[in-house]
C-alpha atoms as a PDB file:
ATOM      1  CA  MET A   1      29.363  10.545  -1.962  1.00  0.00           C
ATOM      2  CA  LEU A   2      31.918  11.778  -0.654  1.00  0.00           C
ATOM      3  CA  LEU A   3      30.133  11.969   2.505  1.00  0.00           C
ATOM      4  CA  VAL A   4      28.237   8.942   2.623  1.00  0.00           C
ATOM      5  CA  SER A   5      31.629   6.844   1.517  1.00  0.00           C
ATOM      6  CA  GLN A   6      33.175   7.992   4.849  1.00  0.00           C
ATOM      7  CA  PRO A   7      35.084   5.432   6.909  1.00  0.00           C
ATOM      8  CA  PRO A   8      33.388   3.712   8.406  1.00  0.00           C
ATOM      9  CA  VAL A   9      32.316   2.104   5.581  1.00  0.00           C
ATOM     10  CA  CYS A  10      28.593   1.352   5.320  1.00  0.00           C
ATOM     11  CA  ASP A  11      28.272  -2.239   3.735  1.00  0.00           C
ATOM     12  CA  ASN A  12      24.453  -1.196   2.573  1.00  0.00           C
ATOM     13  CA  VAL A  13      25.011   1.750   0.529  1.00  0.00           C
ATOM     14  CA  VAL A  14      27.058   2.104  -2.766  1.00  0.00           C
ATOM     15  CA  GLU A  15      30.866   2.942  -2.480  1.00  0.00           C
ATOM     16  CA  LEU A  16      32.538   5.666  -4.047  1.00  0.00           C
ATOM     17  CA  LEU A  17      35.701   4.251  -5.138  1.00  0.00           C
ATOM     18  CA  ASP A  18      37.182   7.438  -6.966  1.00  0.00           C
ATOM     19  CA  TRP A  19      36.065  10.648  -9.047  1.00  0.00           C
ATOM     20  CA  TYR A  20      37.302  12.037 -11.824  1.00  0.00           C
ATOM     21  CA  GLU A  21      36.405  16.130 -12.535  1.00  0.00           C
ATOM     22  CA  LEU A  22      36.233  17.168 -15.919  1.00  0.00           C
ATOM     23  CA  PRO A  23      35.397  20.421 -17.800  1.00  0.00           C
ATOM     24  CA  GLN A  24      31.735  19.636 -18.041  1.00  0.00           C
ATOM     25  CA  ILE A  25      31.164  16.064 -16.203  1.00  0.00           C
ATOM     26  CA  ILE A  26      32.089  14.214 -12.762  1.00  0.00           C
ATOM     27  CA  VAL A  27      33.093  10.867 -13.410  1.00  0.00           C
ATOM     28  CA  LEU A  28      32.124   8.608 -10.261  1.00  0.00           C
ATOM     29  CA  VAL A  29      33.354   5.372  -9.861  1.00  0.00           C
ATOM     30  CA  LEU A  30      31.453   3.138  -7.977  1.00  0.00           C
ATOM     31  CA  GLU A  31      31.632  -0.493  -6.801  1.00  0.00           C
ATOM     32  CA  ARG A  32      29.352  -2.721  -8.411  1.00  0.00           C
ATOM     33  CA  PRO A  33      28.590  -6.183  -6.503  1.00  0.00           C
ATOM     34  CA  THR A  34      28.185  -9.173  -9.332  1.00  0.00           C
ATOM     35  CA  PRO A  35      26.251 -10.702  -9.601  1.00  0.00           C
ATOM     36  CA  CYS A  36      23.313  -8.593  -8.324  1.00  0.00           C
ATOM     37  CA  MET A  37      20.163  -6.751  -9.565  1.00  0.00           C
ATOM     38  CA  ASP A  38      18.053  -3.635  -8.401  1.00  0.00           C
ATOM     39  CA  LEU A  39      14.924  -4.258  -5.895  1.00  0.00           C
ATOM     40  CA  SER A  40      12.340  -4.395  -8.830  1.00  0.00           C
ATOM     41  CA  ASP A  41      13.820  -6.872 -11.078  1.00  0.00           C
ATOM     42  CA  TYR A  42      14.392  -9.211  -7.562  1.00  0.00           C
ATOM     43  CA  CYS A  43      10.814  -8.346  -6.916  1.00  0.00           C
ATOM     44  CA  MET A  44       9.608 -10.086 -10.922  1.00  0.00           C
ATOM     45  CA  ALA A  45      12.532 -12.159 -10.761  1.00  0.00           C
ATOM     46  CA  MET A  46      10.721 -13.989  -7.016  1.00  0.00           C
ATOM     47  CA  GLY A  47       7.052 -13.629  -8.337  1.00  0.00           C
ATOM     48  CA  GLY A  48       6.025  -9.900  -8.487  1.00  0.00           C
ATOM     49  CA  LYS A  49       6.407  -9.530  -4.962  1.00  0.00           C
ATOM     50  CA  LEU A  50       8.164 -10.642  -1.381  1.00  0.00           C
ATOM     51  CA  ASP A  51       7.794 -12.745   0.994  1.00  0.00           C
ATOM     52  CA  GLN A  52       7.261 -10.338   4.390  1.00  0.00           C
ATOM     53  CA  ALA A  53      10.390 -12.023   5.797  1.00  0.00           C
ATOM     54  CA  VAL A  54      12.596 -10.668   3.167  1.00  0.00           C
ATOM     55  CA  ALA A  55      10.986  -7.430   2.484  1.00  0.00           C
ATOM     56  CA  ARG A  56      11.883  -7.106   6.458  1.00  0.00           C
ATOM     57  CA  ASP A  57      15.501  -7.650   5.866  1.00  0.00           C
ATOM     58  CA  ILE A  58      15.315  -4.879   2.899  1.00  0.00           C
ATOM     59  CA  MET A  59      13.833  -2.370   4.623  1.00  0.00           C
ATOM     60  CA  GLN A  60      16.928  -3.470   7.759  1.00  0.00           C
ATOM     61  CA  HIS A  61      19.185  -2.380   5.239  1.00  0.00           C
ATOM     62  CA  CYS A  62      17.763   1.126   4.757  1.00  0.00           C
ATOM     63  CA  GLN A  63      20.469   3.326   6.624  1.00  0.00           C
ATOM     64  CA  SER A  64      21.267   7.451   6.453  1.00  0.00           C
ATOM     65  CA  ARG A  65      24.609   9.444   7.481  1.00  0.00           C
ATOM     66  CA  SER A  66      23.135  12.845   7.528  1.00  0.00           C
ATOM     67  CA  VAL A  67      22.387  12.453   3.762  1.00  0.00           C
ATOM     68  CA  PHE A  68      19.071  12.874   2.635  1.00  0.00           C
ATOM     69  CA  HIS A  69      18.410  10.542  -0.243  1.00  0.00           C
ATOM     70  CA  ARG A  70      15.454  11.787  -1.812  1.00  0.00           C
ATOM     71  CA  ASP A  71      15.216   9.223  -4.258  1.00  0.00           C
ATOM     72  CA  ILE A  72      14.370   5.898  -2.077  1.00  0.00           C
ATOM     73  CA  LYS A  73      12.817   3.688  -4.593  1.00  0.00           C
ATOM     74  CA  MET A  74      13.151  -0.060  -5.840  1.00  0.00           C
ATOM     75  CA  GLU A  75      15.385   0.522  -8.620  1.00  0.00           C
ATOM     76  CA  ASN A  76      17.295   2.236  -6.367  1.00  0.00           C
ATOM     77  CA  LEU A  77      18.304  -0.809  -4.029  1.00  0.00           C
ATOM     78  CA  LEU A  78      21.343  -3.241  -5.469  1.00  0.00           C
ATOM     79  CA  VAL A  79      20.181  -6.978  -4.494  1.00  0.00           C
ATOM     80  CA  GLU A  80      23.167  -9.344  -4.330  1.00  0.00           C
ATOM     81  CA  THR A  81      22.203 -12.631  -5.595  1.00  0.00           C
ATOM     82  CA  CYS A  82      25.146 -14.730  -5.284  1.00  0.00           C
ATOM     83  CA  ARG A  83      25.237 -14.714  -1.520  1.00  0.00           C
ATOM     84  CA  ASP A  84      23.433 -17.161   1.130  1.00  0.00           C
ATOM     85  CA  THR A  85      23.138 -13.895   3.399  1.00  0.00           C
ATOM     86  CA  MET A  86      21.484 -11.392   1.154  1.00  0.00           C
ATOM     87  CA  LYS A  87      22.439  -7.695   0.948  1.00  0.00           C
ATOM     88  CA  VAL A  88      21.207  -4.927  -0.504  1.00  0.00           C
ATOM     89  CA  LYS A  89      22.656  -1.578  -1.325  1.00  0.00           C
ATOM     90  CA  LEU A  90      21.261   1.734  -1.900  1.00  0.00           C
ATOM     91  CA  ILE A  91      22.656   3.632  -4.832  1.00  0.00           C
ATOM     92  CA  ASP A  92      22.243   6.783  -6.509  1.00  0.00           C
ATOM     93  CA  PHE A  93      22.532  10.384  -4.620  1.00  0.00           C
ATOM     94  CA  GLY A  94      21.926  11.885  -7.607  1.00  0.00           C
ATOM     95  CA  CYS A  95      19.113  13.573  -6.064  1.00  0.00           C
ATOM     96  CA  GLY A  96      20.659  13.744  -2.629  1.00  0.00           C
ATOM     97  CA  ASP A  97      21.155  16.636  -0.580  1.00  0.00           C
ATOM     98  CA  LEU A  98      22.677  17.139   3.029  1.00  0.00           C
ATOM     99  CA  LEU A  99      20.207  16.329   5.513  1.00  0.00           C
ATOM    100  CA  ARG A 100      19.073  19.643   7.029  1.00  0.00           C
ATOM    101  CA  ALA A 101      16.358  20.797   9.843  1.00  0.00           C
ATOM    102  CA  ARG A 102      14.404  23.454   7.894  1.00  0.00           C
ATOM    103  CA  SER A 103      12.184  22.405   5.112  1.00  0.00           C
ATOM    104  CA  TYR A 104      12.642  21.827   1.899  1.00  0.00           C
ATOM    105  CA  ARG A 105      11.317  23.754  -0.916  1.00  0.00           C
ATOM    106  CA  GLU A 106      12.292  22.065  -3.913  1.00  0.00           C
ATOM    107  CA  ILE A 107      11.182  18.840  -5.669  1.00  0.00           C
ATOM    108  CA  ALA A 108      13.214  15.850  -6.411  1.00  0.00           C
ATOM    109  CA  GLY A 109      13.126  12.304  -6.678  1.00  0.00           C
ATOM    110  CA  THR A 110      10.485   9.765  -8.190  1.00  0.00           C
ATOM    111  CA  ALA A 111       6.885  11.144  -8.841  1.00  0.00           C
ATOM    112  CA  GLU A 112       4.815   8.132  -7.014  1.00  0.00           C
ATOM    113  CA  TYR A 113       7.307   8.067  -3.902  1.00  0.00           C
ATOM    114  CA  ILE A 114       6.735  11.843  -2.924  1.00  0.00           C
ATOM    115  CA  ALA A 115       5.556  12.691   0.719  1.00  0.00           C
ATOM    116  CA  PRO A 116       1.869  14.637   0.533  1.00  0.00           C
ATOM    117  CA  GLU A 117       2.831  17.603   2.221  1.00  0.00           C
ATOM    118  CA  TRP A 118       4.953  18.490  -0.966  1.00  0.00           C
ATOM    119  CA  PHE A 119       1.378  18.760  -2.892  1.00  0.00           C
ATOM    120  CA  LEU A 120      -0.468  19.847  -0.261  1.00  0.00           C
ATOM    121  CA  GLU A 121       2.099  22.619   1.275  1.00  0.00           C
ATOM    122  CA  GLY A 122       4.844  23.020  -1.419  1.00  0.00           C
ATOM    123  CA  ARG A 123       7.403  22.006   1.485  1.00  0.00           C
ATOM    124  CA  TYR A 124       8.726  18.842   3.200  1.00  0.00           C
ATOM    125  CA  GLN A 125      10.996  17.256   6.081  1.00  0.00           C
ATOM    126  CA  GLY A 126      14.048  15.280   5.084  1.00  0.00           C
ATOM    127  CA  ASN A 127      12.864  12.542   7.651  1.00  0.00           C
ATOM    128  CA  GLU A 128       9.415  12.371   7.435  1.00  0.00           C
ATOM    129  CA  ALA A 129       9.997  12.349   3.583  1.00  0.00           C
ATOM    130  CA  THR A 130      12.429   9.507   3.710  1.00  0.00           C
ATOM    131  CA  VAL A 131       9.777   7.577   6.120  1.00  0.00           C
ATOM    132  CA  TRP A 132       7.328   8.102   3.714  1.00  0.00           C
ATOM    133  CA  SER A 133       9.357   6.935   0.584  1.00  0.00           C
ATOM    134  CA  LEU A 134       9.978   3.803   3.217  1.00  0.00           C
ATOM    135  CA  GLY A 135       6.121   2.734   3.724  1.00  0.00           C
ATOM    136  CA  VAL A 136       6.102   3.369  -0.314  1.00  0.00           C
ATOM    137  CA  LEU A 137       8.918   0.708  -0.613  1.00  0.00           C
ATOM    138  CA  LEU A 138       7.421  -1.629   1.698  1.00  0.00           C
ATOM    139  CA  PHE A 139       4.065  -1.362   0.352  1.00  0.00           C
ATOM    140  CA  GLY A 140       5.160  -2.274  -3.394  1.00  0.00           C
ATOM    141  CA  MET A 141       7.440  -4.796  -1.705  1.00  0.00           C
ATOM    142  CA  VAL A 142       4.727  -7.398  -0.603  1.00  0.00           C
ATOM    143  CA  ASN A 143       2.244  -6.477  -2.815  1.00  0.00           C
ATOM    144  CA  GLY A 144       3.334  -6.529  -6.084  1.00  0.00           C
ATOM    145  CA  LYS A 145       2.671  -2.669  -6.829  1.00  0.00           C
ATOM    146  CA  LEU A 146       3.097   0.334  -5.689  1.00  0.00           C
ATOM    147  CA  PRO A 147      -0.066   1.868  -3.701  1.00  0.00           C
ATOM    148  CA  PHE A 148      -0.459   5.216  -5.318  1.00  0.00           C
ATOM    149  CA  ARG A 149       0.087   6.333  -8.964  1.00  0.00           C
ATOM    150  CA  GLU A 150      -1.514  10.030  -8.887  1.00  0.00           C
ATOM    151  CA  ASP A 151      -0.738  13.429  -6.687  1.00  0.00           C
ATOM    152  CA  SER A 152      -4.302  13.493  -6.384  1.00  0.00           C
ATOM    153  CA  GLU A 153      -4.185   9.513  -4.590  1.00  0.00           C
ATOM    154  CA  ILE A 154      -1.202  10.514  -2.424  1.00  0.00           C
ATOM    155  CA  VAL A 155      -2.953  13.065  -1.327  1.00  0.00           C
ATOM    156  CA  LYS A 156      -5.935  11.030  -0.221  1.00  0.00           C
ATOM    157  CA  GLY A 157      -3.674   7.855   0.940  1.00  0.00           C
ATOM    158  CA  CYS A 158      -6.186   5.251   0.392  1.00  0.00           C
ATOM    159  CA  MET A 159      -4.356   1.953  -0.496  1.00  0.00           C
ATOM    160  CA  ARG A 160      -5.807  -1.484  -0.789  1.00  0.00           C
ATOM    161  CA  PHE A 161      -3.868  -4.500   1.152  1.00  0.00           C
ATOM    162  CA  ASN A 162      -3.362  -8.064  -0.917  1.00  0.00           C
ATOM    163  CA  ARG A 163      -4.920 -10.877   1.327  1.00  0.00           C
ATOM    164  CA  GLY A 164      -2.093 -12.804   3.111  1.00  0.00           C
ATOM    165  CA  ILE A 165      -0.550  -9.190   4.598  1.00  0.00           C
ATOM    166  CA  SER A 166      -0.190  -9.686   8.033  1.00  0.00           C
ATOM    167  CA  LYS A 167      -1.642  -7.253  10.401  1.00  0.00           C
ATOM    168  CA  GLU A 168       1.476  -6.146  11.288  1.00  0.00           C
ATOM    169  CA  CYS A 169       3.191  -5.094   8.374  1.00  0.00           C
ATOM    170  CA  ARG A 170      -0.361  -3.045   7.073  1.00  0.00           C
ATOM    171  CA  ASN A 171       0.229  -1.018  10.316  1.00  0.00           C
ATOM    172  CA  LEU A 172       3.679  -0.530   9.972  1.00  0.00           C
ATOM    173  CA  VAL A 173       3.104   0.294   6.321  1.00  0.00           C
ATOM    174  CA  ARG A 174       0.041   2.619   7.344  1.00  0.00           C
ATOM    175  CA  LEU A 175       1.920   4.287  10.036  1.00  0.00           C
ATOM    176  CA  CYS A 176       4.716   5.391   7.491  1.00  0.00           C
ATOM    177  CA  LEU A 177       2.096   6.756   5.129  1.00  0.00           C
ATOM    178  CA  MET A 178       0.496   9.101   7.435  1.00  0.00           C
ATOM    179  CA  ARG A 179      -0.941  11.703   5.476  1.00  0.00           C
ATOM    180  CA  ASP A 180       0.754  14.415   8.781  1.00  0.00           C
ATOM    181  CA  PRO A 181       4.233  13.935   8.650  1.00  0.00           C
ATOM    182  CA  CYS A 182       4.349  14.843  12.827  1.00  0.00           C
ATOM    183  CA  LYS A 183       2.914  11.441  12.943  1.00  0.00           C
ATOM    184  CA  ARG A 184       4.737   9.227  10.832  1.00  0.00           C
ATOM    185  CA  PRO A 185       7.130   7.188  12.893  1.00  0.00           C
ATOM    186  CA  ASN A 186      11.083   7.618  13.220  1.00  0.00           C
ATOM    187  CA  LEU A 187      13.988   5.616  11.892  1.00  0.00           C
ATOM    188  CA  GLU A 188      14.426   4.122  14.943  1.00  0.00           C
ATOM    189  CA  GLN A 189      10.437   3.218  15.364  1.00  0.00           C
ATOM    190  CA  ILE A 190      10.534   1.924  12.519  1.00  0.00           C
ATOM    191  CA  LEU A 191      13.055  -0.936  13.377  1.00  0.00           C
ATOM    192  CA  SER A 192      11.138  -1.598  16.819  1.00  0.00           C
ATOM    193  CA  HIS A 193       8.409  -2.204  15.452  1.00  0.00           C
ATOM    194  CA  SER A 194       6.436  -5.282  16.297  1.00  0.00           C
ATOM    195  CA  TRP A 195       6.333  -6.352  12.473  1.00  0.00           C
ATOM    196  CA  MET A 196      10.997  -5.965  12.251  1.00  0.00           C
ATOM    197  CA  SER A 197      11.140  -8.626  14.648  1.00  0.00           C
ATOM    198  CA  ASP A 198       8.175 -10.746  14.772  1.00  0.00           C
ATOM    199  CA  LEU A 199       5.972 -12.201  11.347  1.00  0.00           C
ATOM    200  CA  SER A 200       3.579 -14.413  13.322  1.00  0.00           C
END
C-alpha cells in the first residue's frame, strides 16, 4: 500500500491515507469514495451484467505500479456511483506482493481467478497471472457469471459466451485466457486491442 500510494497518486487505486502499527495488528486508513459499491454489486444493479462499453471503461482503469495485486476480481473494484464519469478504484492489496521476474510458488487470491499454470506446474508469473485475472473479470462483466468454477474447468479452459457479445470482445477474452501464459497479451497489448477502442 505504501508503494502504490506514492506520488503521483494513481486515481484508480484506493489511496492509503495513514497507518498505525499496534502490538498485534497494523491498521490502515484508506480513502472510501461515497457513494460507491463494488463491481459485483454494480453488475447486479445493472441487471446482472454490464454493457460492453462500460466493461471496456473498467478494463482501461486496471493499472499497476510494480506491485502484483494477486486478487483482481469484481469484489476488489469499487465503482463511484455519483459521478457523470464513472470512476473505478482497485482495493484490497492484502494478497499483494512485489512484482518480480522469477516465478511465484505460493498461491494467493480467489480460486475462480487463478491461472491454470498454478494447477499444472505449481508456479506462475505475475504479469501473465494478472492478464488471466483480467480475462476472467471481463468475461464476468459482460456475461453476468464467471467462466470457471472448478479447478478442472480452469485447466480445460472451455467457456460459453452469452449471445450478443461482440466478436472483438470474445477475441480479447480468449487471448487473456490462453492456457499457455506465453501466448497471453501484455497489458499494453490489451489496451491497444481493437475492442478497447471500437465496439462496432
